[in-house]
PDB file of N, CA and C in Angstrom:
ATOM      1  N   MET A   1     126.079  81.644  63.793  1.00  0.00           N
ATOM      2  CA  MET A   1     126.108  82.138  65.150  1.00  0.00           C
ATOM      3  C   MET A   1     125.709  83.619  65.202  1.00  0.00           C
ATOM      4  N   GLU A   2     126.063  84.353  64.141  1.00  0.00           N
ATOM      5  CA  GLU A   2     125.720  85.770  64.095  1.00  0.00           C
ATOM      6  C   GLU A   2     124.204  85.973  64.156  1.00  0.00           C
ATOM      7  N   LEU A   3     123.475  85.113  63.465  1.00  0.00           N
ATOM      8  CA  LEU A   3     122.018  85.234  63.441  1.00  0.00           C
ATOM      9  C   LEU A   3     121.427  84.974  64.822  1.00  0.00           C
ATOM     10  N   LEU A   4     121.990  84.031  65.562  1.00  0.00           N
ATOM     11  CA  LEU A   4     121.532  83.762  66.927  1.00  0.00           C
ATOM     12  C   LEU A   4     121.784  84.972  67.821  1.00  0.00           C
ATOM     13  N   TYR A   5     122.950  85.580  67.722  1.00  0.00           N
ATOM     14  CA  TYR A   5     123.250  86.796  68.489  1.00  0.00           C
ATOM     15  C   TYR A   5     122.269  87.909  68.140  1.00  0.00           C
ATOM     16  N   PHE A   6     121.999  88.044  66.856  1.00  0.00           N
ATOM     17  CA  PHE A   6     121.062  89.071  66.404  1.00  0.00           C
ATOM     18  C   PHE A   6     119.676  88.849  67.004  1.00  0.00           C
ATOM     19  N   VAL A   7     119.171  87.619  66.916  1.00  0.00           N
ATOM     20  CA  VAL A   7     117.836  87.293  67.426  1.00  0.00           C
ATOM     21  C   VAL A   7     117.763  87.525  68.931  1.00  0.00           C
ATOM     22  N   LEU A   8     118.761  87.088  69.671  1.00  0.00           N
ATOM     23  CA  LEU A   8     118.742  87.258  71.132  1.00  0.00           C
ATOM     24  C   LEU A   8     118.866  88.732  71.530  1.00  0.00           C
ATOM     25  N   ALA A   9     119.686  89.472  70.808  1.00  0.00           N
ATOM     26  CA  ALA A   9     119.812  90.909  71.095  1.00  0.00           C
ATOM     27  C   ALA A   9     118.502  91.633  70.806  1.00  0.00           C
ATOM     28  N   CYS A  10     117.851  91.273  69.703  1.00  0.00           N
ATOM     29  CA  CYS A  10     116.574  91.895  69.360  1.00  0.00           C
ATOM     30  C   CYS A  10     115.498  91.537  70.381  1.00  0.00           C
ATOM     31  N   PHE A  11     115.457  90.289  70.809  1.00  0.00           N
ATOM     32  CA  PHE A  11     114.482  89.880  71.818  1.00  0.00           C
ATOM     33  C   PHE A  11     114.700  90.657  73.111  1.00  0.00           C
ATOM     34  N   GLY A  12     115.947  90.763  73.545  1.00  0.00           N
ATOM     35  CA  GLY A  12     116.242  91.509  74.767  1.00  0.00           C
ATOM     36  C   GLY A  12     115.845  92.965  74.673  1.00  0.00           C
ATOM     37  N   MET A  13     116.189  93.608  73.566  1.00  0.00           N
ATOM     38  CA  MET A  13     115.845  95.019  73.386  1.00  0.00           C
ATOM     39  C   MET A  13     114.336  95.206  73.307  1.00  0.00           C
ATOM     40  N   THR A  14     113.649  94.303  72.626  1.00  0.00           N
ATOM     41  CA  THR A  14     112.185  94.390  72.534  1.00  0.00           C
ATOM     42  C   THR A  14     111.551  94.272  73.907  1.00  0.00           C
ATOM     43  N   GLN A  15     112.028  93.337  74.726  1.00  0.00           N
ATOM     44  CA  GLN A  15     111.492  93.170  76.074  1.00  0.00           C
ATOM     45  C   GLN A  15     111.708  94.437  76.900  1.00  0.00           C
ATOM     46  N   ILE A  16     112.869  95.037  76.759  1.00  0.00           N
ATOM     47  CA  ILE A  16     113.167  96.267  77.510  1.00  0.00           C
ATOM     48  C   ILE A  16     112.245  97.400  77.076  1.00  0.00           C
ATOM     49  N   VAL A  17     112.051  97.566  75.774  1.00  0.00           N
ATOM     50  CA  VAL A  17     111.215  98.663  75.278  1.00  0.00           C
ATOM     51  C   VAL A  17     109.754  98.450  75.665  1.00  0.00           C
ATOM     52  N   VAL A  18     109.248  97.228  75.545  1.00  0.00           N
ATOM     53  CA  VAL A  18     107.832  96.969  75.805  1.00  0.00           C
ATOM     54  C   VAL A  18     107.523  96.898  77.300  1.00  0.00           C
ATOM     55  N   TYR A  19     108.396  96.274  78.091  1.00  0.00           N
ATOM     56  CA  TYR A  19     108.083  96.006  79.500  1.00  0.00           C
ATOM     57  C   TYR A  19     108.987  96.708  80.512  1.00  0.00           C
ATOM     58  N   GLY A  20     110.125  97.219  80.090  1.00  0.00           N
ATOM     59  CA  GLY A  20     111.105  97.766  81.025  1.00  0.00           C
ATOM     60  C   GLY A  20     110.655  99.035  81.724  1.00  0.00           C
ATOM     61  N   LYS A  21     110.991  99.116  82.992  1.00  0.00           N
ATOM     62  CA  LYS A  21     110.652 100.300  83.782  1.00  0.00           C
ATOM     63  C   LYS A  21     111.421 101.528  83.318  1.00  0.00           C
ATOM     64  N   ILE A  22     112.561 101.324  82.690  1.00  0.00           N
ATOM     65  CA  ILE A  22     113.378 102.450  82.238  1.00  0.00           C
ATOM     66  C   ILE A  22     112.641 103.307  81.206  1.00  0.00           C
ATOM     67  N   PHE A  23     111.730 102.709  80.444  1.00  0.00           N
ATOM     68  CA  PHE A  23     110.971 103.445  79.430  1.00  0.00           C
ATOM     69  C   PHE A  23     109.552 103.782  79.890  1.00  0.00           C
ATOM     70  N   GLU A  24     109.232 103.522  81.140  1.00  0.00           N
ATOM     71  CA  GLU A  24     107.879 103.714  81.651  1.00  0.00           C
ATOM     72  C   GLU A  24     107.374 105.149  81.473  1.00  0.00           C
ATOM     73  N   ASN A  25     108.239 106.124  81.701  1.00  0.00           N
ATOM     74  CA  ASN A  25     107.810 107.529  81.630  1.00  0.00           C
ATOM     75  C   ASN A  25     107.781 108.086  80.212  1.00  0.00           C
ATOM     76  N   VAL A  26     108.432 107.429  79.259  1.00  0.00           N
ATOM     77  CA  VAL A  26     108.469 107.942  77.892  1.00  0.00           C
ATOM     78  C   VAL A  26     107.669 107.071  76.916  1.00  0.00           C
ATOM     79  N   ARG A  27     107.249 105.889  77.345  1.00  0.00           N
ATOM     80  CA  ARG A  27     106.483 104.984  76.491  1.00  0.00           C
ATOM     81  C   ARG A  27     105.062 105.511  76.318  1.00  0.00           C
ATOM     82  N   PRO A  28     104.598 105.673  75.079  1.00  0.00           N
ATOM     83  CA  PRO A  28     103.217 106.121  74.857  1.00  0.00           C
ATOM     84  C   PRO A  28     102.230 105.092  75.407  1.00  0.00           C
ATOM     85  N   THR A  29     101.100 105.565  75.924  1.00  0.00           N
ATOM     86  CA  THR A  29     100.115 104.647  76.507  1.00  0.00           C
ATOM     87  C   THR A  29      98.746 104.743  75.849  1.00  0.00           C
ATOM     88  N   GLN A  30      98.515 105.769  75.040  1.00  0.00           N
ATOM     89  CA  GLN A  30      97.193 105.950  74.449  1.00  0.00           C
ATOM     90  C   GLN A  30      97.282 106.025  72.929  1.00  0.00           C
ATOM     91  N   GLY A  31      96.174 105.733  72.288  1.00  0.00           N
ATOM     92  CA  GLY A  31      96.081 105.827  70.838  1.00  0.00           C
ATOM     93  C   GLY A  31      96.781 104.680  70.132  1.00  0.00           C
ATOM     94  N   TRP A  32      96.881 104.797  68.814  1.00  0.00           N
ATOM     95  CA  TRP A  32      97.494 103.717  68.044  1.00  0.00           C
ATOM     96  C   TRP A  32      98.977 103.584  68.339  1.00  0.00           C
ATOM     97  N   PHE A  33      99.639 104.698  68.673  1.00  0.00           N
ATOM     98  CA  PHE A  33     101.058 104.645  69.011  1.00  0.00           C
ATOM     99  C   PHE A  33     101.263 103.888  70.324  1.00  0.00           C
ATOM    100  N   GLY A  34     100.355 104.082  71.261  1.00  0.00           N
ATOM    101  CA  GLY A  34     100.404 103.322  72.514  1.00  0.00           C
ATOM    102  C   GLY A  34     100.163 101.847  72.280  1.00  0.00           C
ATOM    103  N   ASP A  35      99.258 101.530  71.347  1.00  0.00           N
ATOM    104  CA  ASP A  35      99.007 100.127  70.998  1.00  0.00           C
ATOM    105  C   ASP A  35     100.254  99.465  70.439  1.00  0.00           C
ATOM    106  N   ILE A  36     100.985 100.183  69.617  1.00  0.00           N
ATOM    107  CA  ILE A  36     102.210  99.639  69.032  1.00  0.00           C
ATOM    108  C   ILE A  36     103.221  99.306  70.120  1.00  0.00           C
ATOM    109  N   PHE A  37     103.352 100.167  71.114  1.00  0.00           N
ATOM    110  CA  PHE A  37     104.346  99.951  72.160  1.00  0.00           C
ATOM    111  C   PHE A  37     103.949  98.883  73.172  1.00  0.00           C
ATOM    112  N   ARG A  38     102.747  98.348  73.073  1.00  0.00           N
ATOM    113  CA  ARG A  38     102.340  97.213  73.904  1.00  0.00           C
ATOM    114  C   ARG A  38     102.489  95.895  73.154  1.00  0.00           C
ATOM    115  N   CYS A  39     102.881  95.945  71.918  1.00  0.00           N
ATOM    116  CA  CYS A  39     102.942  94.771  71.050  1.00  0.00           C
ATOM    117  C   CYS A  39     104.398  94.378  70.784  1.00  0.00           C
ATOM    118  N   SER A  40     104.803  93.217  71.291  1.00  0.00           N
ATOM    119  CA  SER A  40     106.192  92.796  71.086  1.00  0.00           C
ATOM    120  C   SER A  40     106.469  92.476  69.621  1.00  0.00           C
ATOM    121  N   MET A  41     105.444  92.122  68.862  1.00  0.00           N
ATOM    122  CA  MET A  41     105.640  91.851  67.442  1.00  0.00           C
ATOM    123  C   MET A  41     105.916  93.165  66.690  1.00  0.00           C
ATOM    124  N   CYS A  42     105.174  94.211  67.025  1.00  0.00           N
ATOM    125  CA  CYS A  42     105.345  95.515  66.370  1.00  0.00           C
ATOM    126  C   CYS A  42     106.690  96.140  66.733  1.00  0.00           C
ATOM    127  N   VAL A  43     106.963  96.204  68.029  1.00  0.00           N
ATOM    128  CA  VAL A  43     108.225  96.782  68.482  1.00  0.00           C
ATOM    129  C   VAL A  43     109.390  95.934  67.984  1.00  0.00           C
ATOM    130  N   GLY A  44     109.207  94.615  67.962  1.00  0.00           N
ATOM    131  CA  GLY A  44     110.256  93.719  67.494  1.00  0.00           C
ATOM    132  C   GLY A  44     110.703  94.019  66.073  1.00  0.00           C
ATOM    133  N   PHE A  45     109.753  94.382  65.212  1.00  0.00           N
ATOM    134  CA  PHE A  45     110.106  94.727  63.836  1.00  0.00           C
ATOM    135  C   PHE A  45     111.027  95.945  63.801  1.00  0.00           C
ATOM    136  N   TRP A  46     110.638  96.985  64.521  1.00  0.00           N
ATOM    137  CA  TRP A  46     111.429  98.220  64.495  1.00  0.00           C
ATOM    138  C   TRP A  46     112.763  98.037  65.189  1.00  0.00           C
ATOM    139  N   VAL A  47     112.782  97.236  66.246  1.00  0.00           N
ATOM    140  CA  VAL A  47     114.057  96.922  66.906  1.00  0.00           C
ATOM    141  C   VAL A  47     114.975  96.189  65.929  1.00  0.00           C
ATOM    142  N   GLY A  48     114.423  95.259  65.160  1.00  0.00           N
ATOM    143  CA  GLY A  48     115.216  94.548  64.165  1.00  0.00           C
ATOM    144  C   GLY A  48     115.826  95.486  63.139  1.00  0.00           C
ATOM    145  N   LEU A  49     115.039  96.461  62.694  1.00  0.00           N
ATOM    146  CA  LEU A  49     115.570  97.442  61.736  1.00  0.00           C
ATOM    147  C   LEU A  49     116.671  98.294  62.364  1.00  0.00           C
ATOM    148  N   ILE A  50     116.464  98.692  63.608  1.00  0.00           N
ATOM    149  CA  ILE A  50     117.485  99.496  64.297  1.00  0.00           C
ATOM    150  C   ILE A  50     118.754  98.681  64.498  1.00  0.00           C
ATOM    151  N   MET A  51     118.609  97.427  64.929  1.00  0.00           N
ATOM    152  CA  MET A  51     119.785  96.571  65.128  1.00  0.00           C
ATOM    153  C   MET A  51     120.512  96.342  63.803  1.00  0.00           C
ATOM    154  N   TYR A  52     119.756  96.169  62.730  1.00  0.00           N
ATOM    155  CA  TYR A  52     120.369  96.049  61.402  1.00  0.00           C
ATOM    156  C   TYR A  52     121.144  97.321  61.069  1.00  0.00           C
ATOM    157  N   GLY A  53     120.545  98.464  61.386  1.00  0.00           N
ATOM    158  CA  GLY A  53     121.192  99.738  61.093  1.00  0.00           C
ATOM    159  C   GLY A  53     122.476  99.962  61.862  1.00  0.00           C
ATOM    160  N   ILE A  54     122.559  99.441  63.071  1.00  0.00           N
ATOM    161  CA  ILE A  54     123.783  99.617  63.865  1.00  0.00           C
ATOM    162  C   ILE A  54     124.721  98.418  63.762  1.00  0.00           C
ATOM    163  N   SER A  55     124.361  97.436  62.951  1.00  0.00           N
ATOM    164  CA  SER A  55     125.199  96.232  62.856  1.00  0.00           C
ATOM    165  C   SER A  55     126.588  96.540  62.299  1.00  0.00           C
ATOM    166  N   PHE A  56     126.732  97.666  61.618  1.00  0.00           N
ATOM    167  CA  PHE A  56     128.028  98.045  61.064  1.00  0.00           C
ATOM    168  C   PHE A  56     128.991  98.516  62.154  1.00  0.00           C
ATOM    169  N   TYR A  57     128.475  98.764  63.360  1.00  0.00           N
ATOM    170  CA  TYR A  57     129.293  99.251  64.455  1.00  0.00           C
ATOM    171  C   TYR A  57     129.620  98.173  65.484  1.00  0.00           C
ATOM    172  N   THR A  58     129.273  96.934  65.199  1.00  0.00           N
ATOM    173  CA  THR A  58     129.537  95.850  66.131  1.00  0.00           C
ATOM    174  C   THR A  58     130.171  94.673  65.403  1.00  0.00           C
ATOM    175  N   GLU A  59     130.854  93.846  66.154  1.00  0.00           N
ATOM    176  CA  GLU A  59     131.427  92.630  65.583  1.00  0.00           C
ATOM    177  C   GLU A  59     130.590  91.408  65.920  1.00  0.00           C
ATOM    178  N   LEU A  60     129.508  91.585  66.677  1.00  0.00           N
ATOM    179  CA  LEU A  60     128.639  90.458  67.019  1.00  0.00           C
ATOM    180  C   LEU A  60     127.916  89.915  65.804  1.00  0.00           C
ATOM    181  N   PHE A  61     127.428  90.819  64.960  1.00  0.00           N
ATOM    182  CA  PHE A  61     126.737  90.409  63.741  1.00  0.00           C
ATOM    183  C   PHE A  61     126.937  91.470  62.671  1.00  0.00           C
ATOM    184  N   ASN A  62     127.145  91.024  61.452  1.00  0.00           N
ATOM    185  CA  ASN A  62     127.317  91.909  60.300  1.00  0.00           C
ATOM    186  C   ASN A  62     126.516  91.358  59.139  1.00  0.00           C
ATOM    187  N   PHE A  63     125.775  92.220  58.478  1.00  0.00           N
ATOM    188  CA  PHE A  63     124.948  91.819  57.353  1.00  0.00           C
ATOM    189  C   PHE A  63     125.217  92.752  56.183  1.00  0.00           C
ATOM    190  N   ASP A  64     124.839  92.325  54.977  1.00  0.00           N
ATOM    191  CA  ASP A  64     125.036  93.198  53.824  1.00  0.00           C
ATOM    192  C   ASP A  64     124.126  94.422  53.932  1.00  0.00           C
ATOM    193  N   THR A  65     124.327  95.372  53.054  1.00  0.00           N
ATOM    194  CA  THR A  65     123.644  96.666  53.179  1.00  0.00           C
ATOM    195  C   THR A  65     122.363  96.775  52.373  1.00  0.00           C
ATOM    196  N   GLY A  66     121.827  95.666  51.883  1.00  0.00           N
ATOM    197  CA  GLY A  66     120.629  95.717  51.061  1.00  0.00           C
ATOM    198  C   GLY A  66     119.370  96.039  51.845  1.00  0.00           C
ATOM    199  N   LEU A  67     118.456  96.759  51.208  1.00  0.00           N
ATOM    200  CA  LEU A  67     117.173  97.083  51.837  1.00  0.00           C
ATOM    201  C   LEU A  67     116.363  95.818  52.137  1.00  0.00           C
ATOM    202  N   ALA A  68     116.445  94.848  51.245  1.00  0.00           N
ATOM    203  CA  ALA A  68     115.722  93.597  51.463  1.00  0.00           C
ATOM    204  C   ALA A  68     116.237  92.888  52.712  1.00  0.00           C
ATOM    205  N   THR A  69     117.536  92.931  52.934  1.00  0.00           N
ATOM    206  CA  THR A  69     118.106  92.315  54.136  1.00  0.00           C
ATOM    207  C   THR A  69     117.565  92.992  55.390  1.00  0.00           C
ATOM    208  N   GLY A  70     117.494  94.308  55.384  1.00  0.00           N
ATOM    209  CA  GLY A  70     116.949  95.037  56.525  1.00  0.00           C
ATOM    210  C   GLY A  70     115.504  94.668  56.791  1.00  0.00           C
ATOM    211  N   PHE A  71     114.710  94.578  55.738  1.00  0.00           N
ATOM    212  CA  PHE A  71     113.299  94.210  55.893  1.00  0.00           C
ATOM    213  C   PHE A  71     113.161  92.787  56.435  1.00  0.00           C
ATOM    214  N   ILE A  72     113.922  91.865  55.883  1.00  0.00           N
ATOM    215  CA  ILE A  72     113.858  90.471  56.328  1.00  0.00           C
ATOM    216  C   ILE A  72     114.311  90.341  57.777  1.00  0.00           C
ATOM    217  N   LEU A  73     115.358  91.055  58.161  1.00  0.00           N
ATOM    218  CA  LEU A  73     115.815  91.000  59.554  1.00  0.00           C
ATOM    219  C   LEU A  73     114.801  91.637  60.503  1.00  0.00           C
ATOM    220  N   GLY A  74     114.108  92.662  60.043  1.00  0.00           N
ATOM    221  CA  GLY A  74     113.028  93.239  60.847  1.00  0.00           C
ATOM    222  C   GLY A  74     111.918  92.231  61.067  1.00  0.00           C
ATOM    223  N   CYS A  75     111.558  91.514  60.013  1.00  0.00           N
ATOM    224  CA  CYS A  75     110.529  90.473  60.123  1.00  0.00           C
ATOM    225  C   CYS A  75     110.993  89.332  61.023  1.00  0.00           C
ATOM    226  N   LEU A  76     112.245  88.931  60.889  1.00  0.00           N
ATOM    227  CA  LEU A  76     112.801  87.879  61.741  1.00  0.00           C
ATOM    228  C   LEU A  76     112.761  88.300  63.205  1.00  0.00           C
ATOM    229  N   SER A  77     113.160  89.512  63.478  1.00  0.00           N
ATOM    230  CA  SER A  77     113.136  90.027  64.847  1.00  0.00           C
ATOM    231  C   SER A  77     111.717  90.076  65.390  1.00  0.00           C
ATOM    232  N   SER A  78     110.778  90.512  64.573  1.00  0.00           N
ATOM    233  CA  SER A  78     109.382  90.578  64.983  1.00  0.00           C
ATOM    234  C   SER A  78     108.854  89.207  65.371  1.00  0.00           C
ATOM    235  N   GLY A  79     109.052  88.238  64.496  1.00  0.00           N
ATOM    236  CA  GLY A  79     108.544  86.890  64.744  1.00  0.00           C
ATOM    237  C   GLY A  79     109.184  86.227  65.939  1.00  0.00           C
ATOM    238  N   THR A  80     110.500  86.312  66.030  1.00  0.00           N
ATOM    239  CA  THR A  80     111.168  85.645  67.148  1.00  0.00           C
ATOM    240  C   THR A  80     110.902  86.358  68.476  1.00  0.00           C
ATOM    241  N   SER A  81     110.781  87.676  68.452  1.00  0.00           N
ATOM    242  CA  SER A  81     110.454  88.392  69.691  1.00  0.00           C
ATOM    243  C   SER A  81     109.068  88.001  70.188  1.00  0.00           C
ATOM    244  N   TYR A  82     108.136  87.837  69.261  1.00  0.00           N
ATOM    245  CA  TYR A  82     106.785  87.434  69.640  1.00  0.00           C
ATOM    246  C   TYR A  82     106.778  86.007  70.198  1.00  0.00           C
ATOM    247  N   VAL A  83     107.404  85.088  69.482  1.00  0.00           N
ATOM    248  CA  VAL A  83     107.415  83.684  69.907  1.00  0.00           C
ATOM    249  C   VAL A  83     108.133  83.522  71.240  1.00  0.00           C
ATOM    250  N   LEU A  84     109.312  84.106  71.376  1.00  0.00           N
ATOM    251  CA  LEU A  84     110.040  83.993  72.638  1.00  0.00           C
ATOM    252  C   LEU A  84     109.285  84.665  73.776  1.00  0.00           C
ATOM    253  N   GLY A  85     108.603  85.780  73.474  1.00  0.00           N
ATOM    254  CA  GLY A  85     107.802  86.462  74.489  1.00  0.00           C
ATOM    255  C   GLY A  85     106.620  85.641  74.967  1.00  0.00           C
ATOM    256  N   THR A  86     106.074  84.802  74.107  1.00  0.00           N
ATOM    257  CA  THR A  86     104.965  83.939  74.529  1.00  0.00           C
ATOM    258  C   THR A  86     105.463  82.696  75.252  1.00  0.00           C
ATOM    259  N   LEU A  87     106.711  82.323  75.047  1.00  0.00           N
ATOM    260  CA  LEU A  87     107.256  81.132  75.710  1.00  0.00           C
ATOM    261  C   LEU A  87     107.817  81.416  77.095  1.00  0.00           C
ATOM    262  N   PHE A  88     108.369  82.610  77.287  1.00  0.00           N
ATOM    263  CA  PHE A  88     109.049  82.940  78.534  1.00  0.00           C
ATOM    264  C   PHE A  88     108.396  84.132  79.221  1.00  0.00           C
ATOM    265  N   ASP A  89     108.408  84.114  80.557  1.00  0.00           N
ATOM    266  CA  ASP A  89     108.001  85.272  81.338  1.00  0.00           C
ATOM    267  C   ASP A  89     109.056  85.513  82.415  1.00  0.00           C
ATOM    268  N   ASP A  90     108.768  86.355  83.386  1.00  0.00           N
ATOM    269  CA  ASP A  90     109.750  86.703  84.414  1.00  0.00           C
ATOM    270  C   ASP A  90     110.160  85.521  85.278  1.00  0.00           C
ATOM    271  N   GLU A  91     109.350  84.477  85.307  1.00  0.00           N
ATOM    272  CA  GLU A  91     109.649  83.323  86.151  1.00  0.00           C
ATOM    273  C   GLU A  91     110.202  82.134  85.364  1.00  0.00           C
ATOM    274  N   GLY A  92     110.502  82.315  84.085  1.00  0.00           N
ATOM    275  CA  GLY A  92     111.065  81.236  83.273  1.00  0.00           C
ATOM    276  C   GLY A  92     110.105  80.816  82.180  1.00  0.00           C
ATOM    277  N   ILE A  93     110.102  79.515  81.889  1.00  0.00           N
ATOM    278  CA  ILE A  93     109.241  78.980  80.845  1.00  0.00           C
ATOM    279  C   ILE A  93     107.802  78.997  81.330  1.00  0.00           C
ATOM    280  N   ARG A  94     106.905  79.541  80.541  1.00  0.00           N
ATOM    281  CA  ARG A  94     105.488  79.614  80.923  1.00  0.00           C
ATOM    282  C   ARG A  94     104.905  78.228  81.040  1.00  0.00           C
ATOM    283  N   GLY A  95     104.125  78.010  82.071  1.00  0.00           N
ATOM    284  CA  GLY A  95     103.466  76.732  82.273  1.00  0.00           C
ATOM    285  C   GLY A  95     104.268  75.762  83.110  1.00  0.00           C
ATOM    286  N   PHE A  96     105.510  76.106  83.453  1.00  0.00           N
ATOM    287  CA  PHE A  96     106.322  75.225  84.278  1.00  0.00           C
ATOM    288  C   PHE A  96     106.648  75.892  85.617  1.00  0.00           C
ATOM    289  N   LYS A  97     105.605  76.247  86.344  1.00  0.00           N
ATOM    290  CA  LYS A  97     105.810  76.934  87.632  1.00  0.00           C
ATOM    291  C   LYS A  97     105.582  75.991  88.779  1.00  0.00           C
TER     292      LYS A  97
END
């Protein structure tokens, strides 16, 4: 269950960083850094690493402190954020409108 919480939290945070109006004024828009912030797969990786880093401060999910675990969770967050982002949009499941 912890892994499901982790994946859903990472997906939510990735959506907020990539598409949220709250970051509109601080999100880079040009150059390679701007390209990264338009990519849910790229942002998803870094969100996964950040969530792994703060996992010691929450009871929702806890993981061991290994570097490999952090890398794997970053990859998991990247992949699931991308897949979920392609399946869902603001109106629900894509293709079922």
